PDB file of N, CA and C in Angstrom:
ATOM      1  N   UNK A   1     -20.924  -8.485   5.558  1.00  0.00           N
ATOM      2  CA  UNK A   1     -20.350  -7.295   6.144  1.00  0.00           C
ATOM      3  C   UNK A   1     -18.824  -7.304   6.025  1.00  0.00           C
ATOM      4  N   UNK A   2     -18.234  -8.484   6.174  1.00  0.00           N
ATOM      5  CA  UNK A   2     -16.782  -8.597   6.059  1.00  0.00           C
ATOM      6  C   UNK A   2     -16.318  -8.214   4.658  1.00  0.00           C
ATOM      7  N   UNK A   3     -17.090  -8.586   3.654  1.00  0.00           N
ATOM      8  CA  UNK A   3     -16.685  -8.282   2.281  1.00  0.00           C
ATOM      9  C   UNK A   3     -16.700  -6.772   2.013  1.00  0.00           C
ATOM     10  N   UNK A   4     -17.589  -6.035   2.664  1.00  0.00           N
ATOM     11  CA  UNK A   4     -17.623  -4.577   2.494  1.00  0.00           C
ATOM     12  C   UNK A   4     -16.378  -3.954   3.119  1.00  0.00           C
ATOM     13  N   UNK A   5     -16.010  -4.432   4.303  1.00  0.00           N
ATOM     14  CA  UNK A   5     -14.807  -3.909   4.961  1.00  0.00           C
ATOM     15  C   UNK A   5     -13.559  -4.220   4.134  1.00  0.00           C
ATOM     16  N   UNK A   6     -13.492  -5.415   3.580  1.00  0.00           N
ATOM     17  CA  UNK A   6     -12.350  -5.794   2.747  1.00  0.00           C
ATOM     18  C   UNK A   6     -12.326  -4.950   1.482  1.00  0.00           C
ATOM     19  N   UNK A   7     -13.493  -4.688   0.887  1.00  0.00           N
ATOM     20  CA  UNK A   7     -13.556  -3.822  -0.286  1.00  0.00           C
ATOM     21  C   UNK A   7     -13.023  -2.435   0.038  1.00  0.00           C
ATOM     22  N   UNK A   8     -13.462  -1.858   1.151  1.00  0.00           N
ATOM     23  CA  UNK A   8     -13.035  -0.511   1.527  1.00  0.00           C
ATOM     24  C   UNK A   8     -11.530  -0.453   1.811  1.00  0.00           C
ATOM     25  N   UNK A   9     -10.995  -1.481   2.457  1.00  0.00           N
ATOM     26  CA  UNK A   9      -9.542  -1.528   2.688  1.00  0.00           C
ATOM     27  C   UNK A   9      -8.795  -1.626   1.357  1.00  0.00           C
ATOM     28  N   UNK A  10      -9.308  -2.459   0.452  1.00  0.00           N
ATOM     29  CA  UNK A  10      -8.688  -2.613  -0.858  1.00  0.00           C
ATOM     30  C   UNK A  10      -8.798  -1.355  -1.702  1.00  0.00           C
ATOM     31  N   UNK A  11      -9.870  -0.606  -1.522  1.00  0.00           N
ATOM     32  CA  UNK A  11     -10.014   0.652  -2.252  1.00  0.00           C
ATOM     33  C   UNK A  11      -9.055   1.695  -1.696  1.00  0.00           C
ATOM     34  N   UNK A  12      -8.944   1.766  -0.370  1.00  0.00           N
ATOM     35  CA  UNK A  12      -8.105   2.773   0.265  1.00  0.00           C
ATOM     36  C   UNK A  12      -6.628   2.583  -0.082  1.00  0.00           C
ATOM     37  N   UNK A  13      -6.142   1.360   0.037  1.00  0.00           N
ATOM     38  CA  UNK A  13      -4.754   1.023  -0.296  1.00  0.00           C
ATOM     39  C   UNK A  13      -4.794  -0.186  -1.220  1.00  0.00           C
ATOM     40  N   UNK A  14      -4.353  -0.034  -2.458  1.00  0.00           N
ATOM     41  CA  UNK A  14      -4.412  -1.156  -3.409  1.00  0.00           C
ATOM     42  C   UNK A  14      -3.738  -2.413  -2.861  1.00  0.00           C
ATOM     43  N   UNK A  15      -4.445  -3.532  -2.918  1.00  0.00           N
ATOM     44  CA  UNK A  15      -3.903  -4.804  -2.470  1.00  0.00           C
ATOM     45  C   UNK A  15      -4.115  -5.096  -0.996  1.00  0.00           C
ATOM     46  N   UNK A  16      -4.490  -4.104  -0.199  1.00  0.00           N
ATOM     47  CA  UNK A  16      -4.658  -4.317   1.238  1.00  0.00           C
ATOM     48  C   UNK A  16      -5.798  -5.289   1.538  1.00  0.00           C
ATOM     49  N   UNK A  17      -6.825  -5.287   0.724  1.00  0.00           N
ATOM     50  CA  UNK A  17      -7.922  -6.232   0.900  1.00  0.00           C
ATOM     51  C   UNK A  17      -7.467  -7.671   0.756  1.00  0.00           C
ATOM     52  N   UNK A  18      -6.503  -7.905  -0.120  1.00  0.00           N
ATOM     53  CA  UNK A  18      -5.940  -9.246  -0.279  1.00  0.00           C
ATOM     54  C   UNK A  18      -4.987  -9.577   0.855  1.00  0.00           C
ATOM     55  N   UNK A  19      -4.194  -8.603   1.263  1.00  0.00           N
ATOM     56  CA  UNK A  19      -3.198  -8.825   2.305  1.00  0.00           C
ATOM     57  C   UNK A  19      -3.866  -9.202   3.628  1.00  0.00           C
ATOM     58  N   UNK A  20      -4.978  -8.532   3.987  1.00  0.00           N
ATOM     59  CA  UNK A  20      -5.657  -8.866   5.246  1.00  0.00           C
ATOM     60  C   UNK A  20      -6.286 -10.262   5.193  1.00  0.00           C
ATOM     61  N   UNK A  21      -6.448 -10.809   3.996  1.00  0.00           N
ATOM     62  CA  UNK A  21      -6.979 -12.159   3.845  1.00  0.00           C
ATOM     63  C   UNK A  21      -5.866 -13.191   3.633  1.00  0.00           C
ATOM     64  N   UNK A  22      -4.636 -12.775   3.911  1.00  0.00           N
ATOM     65  CA  UNK A  22      -3.451 -13.634   3.812  1.00  0.00           C
ATOM     66  C   UNK A  22      -3.145 -14.080   2.386  1.00  0.00           C
ATOM     67  N   UNK A  23      -3.538 -13.298   1.407  1.00  0.00           N
ATOM     68  CA  UNK A  23      -3.173 -13.508   0.004  1.00  0.00           C
ATOM     69  C   UNK A  23      -2.024 -12.544  -0.294  1.00  0.00           C
ATOM     70  N   UNK A  24      -0.888 -12.790   0.369  1.00  0.00           N
ATOM     71  CA  UNK A  24       0.220 -11.837   0.364  1.00  0.00           C
ATOM     72  C   UNK A  24       0.810 -11.597  -1.021  1.00  0.00           C
ATOM     73  N   UNK A  25       1.076 -12.643  -1.764  1.00  0.00           N
ATOM     74  CA  UNK A  25       1.695 -12.477  -3.084  1.00  0.00           C
ATOM     75  C   UNK A  25       0.786 -11.671  -4.009  1.00  0.00           C
ATOM     76  N   UNK A  26      -0.482 -12.001  -4.013  1.00  0.00           N
ATOM     77  CA  UNK A  26      -1.439 -11.297  -4.865  1.00  0.00           C
ATOM     78  C   UNK A  26      -1.571  -9.828  -4.439  1.00  0.00           C
ATOM     79  N   UNK A  27      -1.706  -9.614  -3.131  1.00  0.00           N
ATOM     80  CA  UNK A  27      -1.868  -8.262  -2.618  1.00  0.00           C
ATOM     81  C   UNK A  27      -0.658  -7.378  -2.872  1.00  0.00           C
ATOM     82  N   UNK A  28       0.542  -7.915  -2.646  1.00  0.00           N
ATOM     83  CA  UNK A  28       1.759  -7.132  -2.874  1.00  0.00           C
ATOM     84  C   UNK A  28       1.987  -6.869  -4.359  1.00  0.00           C
ATOM     85  N   UNK A  29       1.605  -7.826  -5.200  1.00  0.00           N
ATOM     86  CA  UNK A  29       1.715  -7.611  -6.650  1.00  0.00           C
ATOM     87  C   UNK A  29       0.783  -6.484  -7.092  1.00  0.00           C
ATOM     88  N   UNK A  30      -0.454  -6.533  -6.613  1.00  0.00           N
ATOM     89  CA  UNK A  30      -1.396  -5.466  -6.947  1.00  0.00           C
ATOM     90  C   UNK A  30      -0.916  -4.120  -6.429  1.00  0.00           C
ATOM     91  N   UNK A  31      -0.409  -4.096  -5.199  1.00  0.00           N
ATOM     92  CA  UNK A  31       0.097  -2.857  -4.614  1.00  0.00           C
ATOM     93  C   UNK A  31       1.222  -2.286  -5.471  1.00  0.00           C
ATOM     94  N   UNK A  32       2.171  -3.126  -5.850  1.00  0.00           N
ATOM     95  CA  UNK A  32       3.309  -2.653  -6.649  1.00  0.00           C
ATOM     96  C   UNK A  32       2.854  -2.123  -8.007  1.00  0.00           C
ATOM     97  N   UNK A  33       1.953  -2.841  -8.659  1.00  0.00           N
ATOM     98  CA  UNK A  33       1.504  -2.426 -10.001  1.00  0.00           C
ATOM     99  C   UNK A  33       0.719  -1.114  -9.963  1.00  0.00           C
ATOM    100  N   UNK A  34      -0.210  -0.995  -9.031  1.00  0.00           N
ATOM    101  CA  UNK A  34      -1.020   0.221  -8.956  1.00  0.00           C
ATOM    102  C   UNK A  34      -0.172   1.404  -8.509  1.00  0.00           C
ATOM    103  N   UNK A  35       0.736   1.176  -7.559  1.00  0.00           N
ATOM    104  CA  UNK A  35       1.624   2.268  -7.145  1.00  0.00           C
ATOM    105  C   UNK A  35       2.532   2.700  -8.294  1.00  0.00           C
ATOM    106  N   UNK A  36       2.981   1.748  -9.096  1.00  0.00           N
ATOM    107  CA  UNK A  36       3.819   2.095 -10.247  1.00  0.00           C
ATOM    108  C   UNK A  36       3.036   2.927 -11.259  1.00  0.00           C
ATOM    109  N   UNK A  37       1.808   2.511 -11.557  1.00  0.00           N
ATOM    110  CA  UNK A  37       0.982   3.282 -12.498  1.00  0.00           C
ATOM    111  C   UNK A  37       0.692   4.674 -11.966  1.00  0.00           C
ATOM    112  N   UNK A  38       0.344   4.752 -10.680  1.00  0.00           N
ATOM    113  CA  UNK A  38       0.038   6.040 -10.074  1.00  0.00           C
ATOM    114  C   UNK A  38       1.276   6.928 -10.032  1.00  0.00           C
ATOM    115  N   UNK A  39       2.403   6.347  -9.645  1.00  0.00           N
ATOM    116  CA  UNK A  39       3.650   7.107  -9.591  1.00  0.00           C
ATOM    117  C   UNK A  39       4.063   7.630 -10.952  1.00  0.00           C
ATOM    118  N   UNK A  40       3.947   6.791 -11.983  1.00  0.00           N
ATOM    119  CA  UNK A  40       4.265   7.248 -13.335  1.00  0.00           C
ATOM    120  C   UNK A  40       3.318   8.354 -13.777  1.00  0.00           C
ATOM    121  N   UNK A  41       2.034   8.202 -13.451  1.00  0.00           N
ATOM    122  CA  UNK A  41       1.067   9.241 -13.801  1.00  0.00           C
ATOM    123  C   UNK A  41       1.390  10.575 -13.147  1.00  0.00           C
ATOM    124  N   UNK A  42       1.803  10.524 -11.883  1.00  0.00           N
ATOM    125  CA  UNK A  42       2.170  11.757 -11.189  1.00  0.00           C
ATOM    126  C   UNK A  42       3.475  12.331 -11.736  1.00  0.00           C
ATOM    127  N   UNK A  43       4.438  11.467 -12.043  1.00  0.00           N
ATOM    128  CA  UNK A  43       5.707  11.939 -12.613  1.00  0.00           C
ATOM    129  C   UNK A  43       5.516  12.580 -13.984  1.00  0.00           C
ATOM    130  N   UNK A  44       4.517  12.123 -14.718  1.00  0.00           N
ATOM    131  CA  UNK A  44       4.236  12.694 -16.040  1.00  0.00           C
ATOM    132  C   UNK A  44       3.306  13.903 -15.946  1.00  0.00           C
ATOM    133  N   UNK A  45       3.117  14.416 -14.742  1.00  0.00           N
ATOM    134  CA  UNK A  45       2.281  15.600 -14.482  1.00  0.00           C
ATOM    135  C   UNK A  45       0.828  15.402 -14.896  1.00  0.00           C
ATOM    136  N   UNK A  46       0.304  14.212 -14.606  1.00  0.00           N
ATOM    137  CA  UNK A  46      -1.105  13.958 -14.855  1.00  0.00           C
ATOM    138  C   UNK A  46      -1.973  14.675 -13.841  1.00  0.00           C
ATOM    139  N   UNK A  47      -3.238  14.831 -14.179  1.00  0.00           N
ATOM    140  CA  UNK A  47      -4.178  15.561 -13.316  1.00  0.00           C
ATOM    141  C   UNK A  47      -5.106  14.584 -12.610  1.00  0.00           C
ATOM    142  N   UNK A  48      -5.304  14.811 -11.324  1.00  0.00           N
ATOM    143  CA  UNK A  48      -6.315  14.105 -10.546  1.00  0.00           C
ATOM    144  C   UNK A  48      -7.494  15.071 -10.427  1.00  0.00           C
ATOM    145  N   UNK A  49      -8.616  14.691 -11.013  1.00  0.00           N
ATOM    146  CA  UNK A  49      -9.758  15.599 -11.116  1.00  0.00           C
ATOM    147  C   UNK A  49     -10.622  15.607  -9.864  1.00  0.00           C
ATOM    148  N   UNK A  50     -10.953  16.797  -9.353  1.00  0.00           N
ATOM    149  CA  UNK A  50     -11.949  16.895  -8.286  1.00  0.00           C
ATOM    150  C   UNK A  50     -13.346  16.800  -8.906  1.00  0.00           C
ATOM    151  N   UNK A  51     -14.357  16.760  -8.061  1.00  0.00           N
ATOM    152  CA  UNK A  51     -15.720  16.705  -8.576  1.00  0.00           C
ATOM    153  C   UNK A  51     -16.083  18.050  -9.193  1.00  0.00           C
ATOM    154  N   UNK A  52     -16.451  18.032 -10.478  1.00  0.00           N
ATOM    155  CA  UNK A  52     -16.872  19.228 -11.209  1.00  0.00           C
ATOM    156  C   UNK A  52     -18.076  18.853 -12.059  1.00  0.00           C
ATOM    157  N   UNK A  53     -19.001  19.776 -12.221  1.00  0.00           N
ATOM    158  CA  UNK A  53     -20.200  19.466 -12.989  1.00  0.00           C
ATOM    159  C   UNK A  53     -20.271  20.195 -14.329  1.00  0.00           C
ATOM    160  N   UNK A  54     -19.262  21.021 -14.640  1.00  0.00           N
ATOM    161  CA  UNK A  54     -19.326  21.791 -15.889  1.00  0.00           C
ATOM    162  C   UNK A  54     -19.279  20.902 -17.130  1.00  0.00           C
ATOM    163  N   UNK A  55     -18.531  19.834 -17.054  1.00  0.00           N
ATOM    164  CA  UNK A  55     -18.300  18.974 -18.208  1.00  0.00           C
ATOM    165  C   UNK A  55     -18.552  17.525 -17.788  1.00  0.00           C
ATOM    166  N   UNK A  56     -19.402  16.801 -18.494  1.00  0.00           N
ATOM    167  CA  UNK A  56     -19.669  15.408 -18.116  1.00  0.00           C
ATOM    168  C   UNK A  56     -18.416  14.525 -18.111  1.00  0.00           C
ATOM    169  N   UNK A  57     -17.445  14.835 -18.936  1.00  0.00           N
ATOM    170  CA  UNK A  57     -16.224  14.031 -18.958  1.00  0.00           C
ATOM    171  C   UNK A  57     -15.406  14.201 -17.693  1.00  0.00           C
ATOM    172  N   UNK A  58     -15.452  15.383 -17.076  1.00  0.00           N
ATOM    173  CA  UNK A  58     -14.724  15.555 -15.822  1.00  0.00           C
ATOM    174  C   UNK A  58     -15.398  14.801 -14.680  1.00  0.00           C
ATOM    175  N   UNK A  59     -16.709  14.584 -14.779  1.00  0.00           N
ATOM    176  CA  UNK A  59     -17.394  13.760 -13.779  1.00  0.00           C
ATOM    177  C   UNK A  59     -16.905  12.321 -13.896  1.00  0.00           C
ATOM    178  N   UNK A  60     -16.778  11.833 -15.111  1.00  0.00           N
ATOM    179  CA  UNK A  60     -16.242  10.481 -15.322  1.00  0.00           C
ATOM    180  C   UNK A  60     -14.798  10.382 -14.855  1.00  0.00           C
ATOM    181  N   UNK A  61     -14.007  11.412 -15.129  1.00  0.00           N
ATOM    182  CA  UNK A  61     -12.615  11.430 -14.678  1.00  0.00           C
ATOM    183  C   UNK A  61     -12.550  11.417 -13.153  1.00  0.00           C
ATOM    184  N   UNK A  62     -13.466  12.134 -12.507  1.00  0.00           N
ATOM    185  CA  UNK A  62     -13.523  12.142 -11.038  1.00  0.00           C
ATOM    186  C   UNK A  62     -13.768  10.733 -10.506  1.00  0.00           C
ATOM    187  N   UNK A  63     -14.745  10.021 -11.084  1.00  0.00           N
ATOM    188  CA  UNK A  63     -15.057   8.680 -10.594  1.00  0.00           C
ATOM    189  C   UNK A  63     -13.909   7.696 -10.835  1.00  0.00           C
ATOM    190  N   UNK A  64     -13.177   7.867 -11.906  1.00  0.00           N
ATOM    191  CA  UNK A  64     -12.020   6.991 -12.105  1.00  0.00           C
ATOM    192  C   UNK A  64     -10.890   7.370 -11.165  1.00  0.00           C
ATOM    193  N   UNK A  65     -10.669   8.648 -10.939  1.00  0.00           N
ATOM    194  CA  UNK A  65      -9.584   9.084 -10.053  1.00  0.00           C
ATOM    195  C   UNK A  65      -9.858   8.754  -8.587  1.00  0.00           C
ATOM    196  N   UNK A  66     -11.104   8.789  -8.172  1.00  0.00           N
ATOM    197  CA  UNK A  66     -11.414   8.475  -6.780  1.00  0.00           C
ATOM    198  C   UNK A  66     -11.123   6.998  -6.485  1.00  0.00           C
ATOM    199  N   UNK A  67     -11.010   6.195  -7.529  1.00  0.00           N
ATOM    200  CA  UNK A  67     -10.626   4.797  -7.357  1.00  0.00           C
ATOM    201  C   UNK A  67      -9.219   4.633  -6.815  1.00  0.00           C
ATOM    202  N   UNK A  68      -8.421   5.696  -6.865  1.00  0.00           N
ATOM    203  CA  UNK A  68      -7.069   5.638  -6.316  1.00  0.00           C
ATOM    204  C   UNK A  68      -7.042   5.708  -4.800  1.00  0.00           C
ATOM    205  N   UNK A  69      -8.188   5.846  -4.167  1.00  0.00           N
ATOM    206  CA  UNK A  69      -8.294   5.769  -2.718  1.00  0.00           C
ATOM    207  C   UNK A  69      -7.491   6.817  -1.983  1.00  0.00           C
ATOM    208  N   UNK A  70      -6.506   6.364  -1.218  1.00  0.00           N
ATOM    209  CA  UNK A  70      -5.719   7.248  -0.365  1.00  0.00           C
ATOM    210  C   UNK A  70      -4.973   8.318  -1.170  1.00  0.00           C
ATOM    211  N   UNK A  71      -4.515   7.973  -2.358  1.00  0.00           N
ATOM    212  CA  UNK A  71      -3.825   8.961  -3.202  1.00  0.00           C
ATOM    213  C   UNK A  71      -4.787  10.085  -3.571  1.00  0.00           C
ATOM    214  N   UNK A  72      -6.036   9.737  -3.884  1.00  0.00           N
ATOM    215  CA  UNK A  72      -7.022  10.777  -4.200  1.00  0.00           C
ATOM    216  C   UNK A  72      -7.262  11.676  -2.990  1.00  0.00           C
ATOM    217  N   UNK A  73      -7.434  11.069  -1.820  1.00  0.00           N
ATOM    218  CA  UNK A  73      -7.679  11.859  -0.608  1.00  0.00           C
ATOM    219  C   UNK A  73      -6.506  12.797  -0.336  1.00  0.00           C
ATOM    220  N   UNK A  74      -5.287  12.276  -0.460  1.00  0.00           N
ATOM    221  CA  UNK A  74      -4.099  13.106  -0.245  1.00  0.00           C
ATOM    222  C   UNK A  74      -4.002  14.239  -1.267  1.00  0.00           C
ATOM    223  N   UNK A  75      -4.465  13.976  -2.488  1.00  0.00           N
ATOM    224  CA  UNK A  75      -4.379  15.004  -3.530  1.00  0.00           C
ATOM    225  C   UNK A  75      -5.277  16.203  -3.239  1.00  0.00           C
ATOM    226  N   UNK A  76      -6.264  16.029  -2.382  1.00  0.00           N
ATOM    227  CA  UNK A  76      -7.130  17.140  -2.016  1.00  0.00           C
ATOM    228  C   UNK A  76      -6.454  18.056  -0.984  1.00  0.00           C
ATOM    229  N   UNK A  77      -5.442  17.544  -0.298  1.00  0.00           N
ATOM    230  CA  UNK A  77      -4.774  18.322   0.750  1.00  0.00           C
ATOM    231  C   UNK A  77      -3.337  18.684   0.416  1.00  0.00           C
ATOM    232  N   UNK A  78      -2.699  17.924  -0.452  1.00  0.00           N
ATOM    233  CA  UNK A  78      -1.304  18.154  -0.837  1.00  0.00           C
ATOM    234  C   UNK A  78      -1.232  18.570  -2.297  1.00  0.00           C
ATOM    235  N   UNK A  79      -0.191  19.265  -2.684  1.00  0.00           N
ATOM    236  CA  UNK A  79      -0.080  19.690  -4.092  1.00  0.00           C
ATOM    237  C   UNK A  79       0.428  18.566  -5.011  1.00  0.00           C
ATOM    238  N   UNK A  80      -0.351  17.496  -5.107  1.00  0.00           N
ATOM    239  CA  UNK A  80      -0.019  16.418  -6.047  1.00  0.00           C
ATOM    240  C   UNK A  80      -1.186  16.244  -7.011  1.00  0.00           C
ATOM    241  N   UNK A  81      -0.879  15.790  -8.208  1.00  0.00           N
ATOM    242  CA  UNK A  81      -1.919  15.551  -9.199  1.00  0.00           C
ATOM    243  C   UNK A  81      -2.554  16.807  -9.750  1.00  0.00           C
ATOM    244  N   UNK A  82      -1.820  17.913  -9.719  1.00  0.00           N
ATOM    245  CA  UNK A  82      -2.368  19.172 -10.234  1.00  0.00           C
ATOM    246  C   UNK A  82      -2.386  19.203 -11.755  1.00  0.00           C
ATOM    247  N   UNK A  83      -1.464  18.491 -12.379  1.00  0.00           N
ATOM    248  CA  UNK A  83      -1.400  18.450 -13.838  1.00  0.00           C
ATOM    249  C   UNK A  83      -0.782  19.707 -14.418  1.00  0.00           C
ATOM    250  N   UNK A  84      -0.100  19.539 -15.511  1.00  0.00           N
ATOM    251  CA  UNK A  84       0.488  20.665 -16.238  1.00  0.00           C
ATOM    252  C   UNK A  84       0.178  20.479 -17.714  1.00  0.00           C
ATOM    253  N   UNK A  85      -0.855  21.154 -18.167  1.00  0.00           N
ATOM    254  CA  UNK A  85      -1.364  21.004 -19.523  1.00  0.00           C
ATOM    255  C   UNK A  85      -0.331  21.348 -20.589  1.00  0.00           C
ATOM    256  N   UNK A  86       0.686  22.121 -20.243  1.00  0.00           N
ATOM    257  CA  UNK A  86       1.710  22.523 -21.219  1.00  0.00           C
ATOM    258  C   UNK A  86       2.666  21.393 -21.566  1.00  0.00           C
ATOM    259  N   UNK A  87       2.764  20.395 -20.689  1.00  0.00           N
ATOM    260  CA  UNK A  87       3.704  19.302 -20.929  1.00  0.00           C
ATOM    261  C   UNK A  87       3.139  18.277 -21.907  1.00  0.00           C
ATOM    262  N   UNK A  88       4.021  17.711 -22.686  1.00  0.00           N
ATOM    263  CA  UNK A  88       3.628  16.683 -23.657  1.00  0.00           C
ATOM    264  C   UNK A  88       3.084  15.451 -22.941  1.00  0.00           C
ATOM    265  N   UNK A  89       3.579  15.184 -21.745  1.00  0.00           N
ATOM    266  CA  UNK A  89       3.202  13.964 -21.018  1.00  0.00           C
ATOM    267  C   UNK A  89       1.907  14.100 -20.213  1.00  0.00           C
ATOM    268  N   UNK A  90       1.282  15.268 -20.223  1.00  0.00           N
ATOM    269  CA  UNK A  90       0.085  15.506 -19.410  1.00  0.00           C
ATOM    270  C   UNK A  90      -1.013  14.475 -19.673  1.00  0.00           C
ATOM    271  N   UNK A  91      -1.353  14.265 -20.933  1.00  0.00           N
ATOM    272  CA  UNK A  91      -2.446  13.335 -21.270  1.00  0.00           C
ATOM    273  C   UNK A  91      -2.118  11.910 -20.871  1.00  0.00           C
ATOM    274  N   UNK A  92      -0.872  11.499 -21.088  1.00  0.00           N
ATOM    275  CA  UNK A  92      -0.477  10.140 -20.705  1.00  0.00           C
ATOM    276  C   UNK A  92      -0.519   9.979 -19.191  1.00  0.00           C
ATOM    277  N   UNK A  93      -0.027  10.972 -18.461  1.00  0.00           N
ATOM    278  CA  UNK A  93      -0.060  10.913 -17.003  1.00  0.00           C
ATOM    279  C   UNK A  93      -1.469  10.842 -16.468  1.00  0.00           C
ATOM    280  N   UNK A  94      -2.365  11.639 -17.045  1.00  0.00           N
ATOM    281  CA  UNK A  94      -3.762  11.630 -16.635  1.00  0.00           C
ATOM    282  C   UNK A  94      -4.398  10.271 -16.931  1.00  0.00           C
ATOM    283  N   UNK A  95      -4.059   9.688 -18.075  1.00  0.00           N
ATOM    284  CA  UNK A  95      -4.587   8.364 -18.424  1.00  0.00           C
ATOM    285  C   UNK A  95      -4.055   7.291 -17.471  1.00  0.00           C
ATOM    286  N   UNK A  96      -2.797   7.365 -17.087  1.00  0.00           N
ATOM    287  CA  UNK A  96      -2.240   6.412 -16.125  1.00  0.00           C
ATOM    288  C   UNK A  96      -2.965   6.520 -14.786  1.00  0.00           C
ATOM    289  N   UNK A  97      -3.218   7.738 -14.334  1.00  0.00           N
ATOM    290  CA  UNK A  97      -3.907   7.925 -13.055  1.00  0.00           C
ATOM    291  C   UNK A  97      -5.337   7.384 -13.113  1.00  0.00           C
ATOM    292  N   UNK A  98      -6.033   7.665 -14.202  1.00  0.00           N
ATOM    293  CA  UNK A  98      -7.404   7.167 -14.358  1.00  0.00           C
ATOM    294  C   UNK A  98      -7.412   5.640 -14.464  1.00  0.00           C
ATOM    295  N   UNK A  99      -6.475   5.093 -15.222  1.00  0.00           N
ATOM    296  CA  UNK A  99      -6.380   3.634 -15.370  1.00  0.00           C
ATOM    297  C   UNK A  99      -6.078   2.957 -14.049  1.00  0.00           C
ATOM    298  N   UNK A 100      -5.194   3.550 -13.257  1.00  0.00           N
ATOM    299  CA  UNK A 100      -4.869   2.983 -11.946  1.00  0.00           C
ATOM    300  C   UNK A 100      -6.100   2.980 -11.045  1.00  0.00           C
ATOM    301  N   UNK A 101      -6.889   4.039 -11.095  1.00  0.00           N
ATOM    302  CA  UNK A 101      -8.105   4.095 -10.286  1.00  0.00           C
ATOM    303  C   UNK A 101      -9.124   3.050 -10.702  1.00  0.00           C
ATOM    304  N   UNK A 102      -9.316   2.895 -11.997  1.00  0.00           N
ATOM    305  CA  UNK A 102     -10.281   1.895 -12.484  1.00  0.00           C
ATOM    306  C   UNK A 102      -9.816   0.479 -12.167  1.00  0.00           C
ATOM    307  N   UNK A 103      -8.524   0.212 -12.331  1.00  0.00           N
ATOM    308  CA  UNK A 103      -8.000  -1.113 -11.978  1.00  0.00           C
ATOM    309  C   UNK A 103      -8.126  -1.377 -10.482  1.00  0.00           C
ATOM    310  N   UNK A 104      -7.939  -0.348  -9.680  1.00  0.00           N
ATOM    311  CA  UNK A 104      -8.060  -0.542  -8.237  1.00  0.00           C
ATOM    312  C   UNK A 104      -9.482  -0.905  -7.833  1.00  0.00           C
ATOM    313  N   UNK A 105     -10.482  -0.371  -8.536  1.00  0.00           N
ATOM    314  CA  UNK A 105     -11.861  -0.809  -8.269  1.00  0.00           C
ATOM    315  C   UNK A 105     -11.984  -2.322  -8.484  1.00  0.00           C
ATOM    316  N   UNK A 106     -11.438  -2.803  -9.592  1.00  0.00           N
ATOM    317  CA  UNK A 106     -11.526  -4.235  -9.893  1.00  0.00           C
ATOM    318  C   UNK A 106     -10.779  -5.068  -8.862  1.00  0.00           C
ATOM    319  N   UNK A 107      -9.631  -4.579  -8.410  1.00  0.00           N
ATOM    320  CA  UNK A 107      -8.854  -5.299  -7.400  1.00  0.00           C
ATOM    321  C   UNK A 107      -9.623  -5.356  -6.082  1.00  0.00           C
ATOM    322  N   UNK A 108     -10.225  -4.254  -5.692  1.00  0.00           N
ATOM    323  CA  UNK A 108     -11.012  -4.226  -4.454  1.00  0.00           C
ATOM    324  C   UNK A 108     -12.231  -5.144  -4.558  1.00  0.00           C
ATOM    325  N   UNK A 109     -12.867  -5.186  -5.736  1.00  0.00           N
ATOM    326  CA  UNK A 109     -13.996  -6.107  -5.936  1.00  0.00           C
ATOM    327  C   UNK A 109     -13.547  -7.553  -5.875  1.00  0.00           C
ATOM    328  N   UNK A 110     -12.354  -7.853  -6.393  1.00  0.00           N
ATOM    329  CA  UNK A 110     -11.801  -9.199  -6.321  1.00  0.00           C
ATOM    330  C   UNK A 110     -11.598  -9.602  -4.864  1.00  0.00           C
ATOM    331  N   UNK A 111     -11.058  -8.705  -4.062  1.00  0.00           N
ATOM    332  CA  UNK A 111     -10.867  -8.981  -2.642  1.00  0.00           C
ATOM    333  C   UNK A 111     -12.192  -9.214  -1.931  1.00  0.00           C
ATOM    334  N   UNK A 112     -13.217  -8.433  -2.293  1.00  0.00           N
ATOM    335  CA  UNK A 112     -14.535  -8.611  -1.707  1.00  0.00           C
ATOM    336  C   UNK A 112     -15.140  -9.958  -2.081  1.00  0.00           C
ATOM    337  N   UNK A 113     -14.931 -10.385  -3.320  1.00  0.00           N
ATOM    338  CA  UNK A 113     -15.418 -11.700  -3.752  1.00  0.00           C
ATOM    339  C   UNK A 113     -14.743 -12.830  -2.981  1.00  0.00           C
ATOM    340  N   UNK A 114     -13.453 -12.677  -2.716  1.00  0.00           N
ATOM    341  CA  UNK A 114     -12.745 -13.683  -1.926  1.00  0.00           C
ATOM    342  C   UNK A 114     -13.307 -13.727  -0.511  1.00  0.00           C
ATOM    343  N   UNK A 115     -13.548 -12.559   0.075  1.00  0.00           N
ATOM    344  CA  UNK A 115     -14.094 -12.492   1.433  1.00  0.00           C
ATOM    345  C   UNK A 115     -15.498 -13.077   1.503  1.00  0.00           C
ATOM    346  N   UNK A 116     -16.263 -12.926   0.440  1.00  0.00           N
ATOM    347  CA  UNK A 116     -17.631 -13.457   0.412  1.00  0.00           C
ATOM    348  C   UNK A 116     -17.670 -14.952   0.089  1.00  0.00           C
ATOM    349  N   UNK A 117     -16.520 -15.534  -0.238  1.00  0.00           N
ATOM    350  CA  UNK A 117     -16.458 -16.959  -0.559  1.00  0.00           C
ATOM    351  C   UNK A 117     -16.832 -17.296  -1.980  1.00  0.00           C
ATOM    352  N   UNK A 118     -16.908 -16.307  -2.850  1.00  0.00           N
ATOM    353  CA  UNK A 118     -17.273 -16.540  -4.243  1.00  0.00           C
ATOM    354  C   UNK A 118     -16.107 -17.044  -5.081  1.00  0.00           C
ATOM    355  N   UNK A 119     -14.888 -16.821  -4.598  1.00  0.00           N
ATOM    356  CA  UNK A 119     -13.691 -17.294  -5.294  1.00  0.00           C
ATOM    357  C   UNK A 119     -12.591 -17.456  -4.271  1.00  0.00           C
ATOM    358  N   UNK A 120     -11.495 -18.065  -4.719  1.00  0.00           N
ATOM    359  CA  UNK A 120     -10.387 -18.263  -3.777  1.00  0.00           C
ATOM    360  C   UNK A 120      -9.139 -17.554  -4.222  1.00  0.00           C
TER     361      UNK A 120
END
């Protein structure tokens, strides 16, 4: 049960799952890296995709973007991650946002493994 809570904390805020387990250096490094990727993606006018069923690729984009946790939740209420298809940087920004979400899943799983005693 503890590993599920640590996973959810790590998903919500990148690195938080490590920080609550006193792995401060690892957690802060993950936080800085994921925030940098997410920030660059937003600065490049990348799009955070909501759940849509018209195109199977947007469903995949949704699952990668939801990996950003709190940033994804905020994007549903604030005007962030809207994307601007006219900009040259749109595709790169969208890729950074998707990559940050997918990496955050792995980071949260790593924190859960530590909590479960599978690794240190």
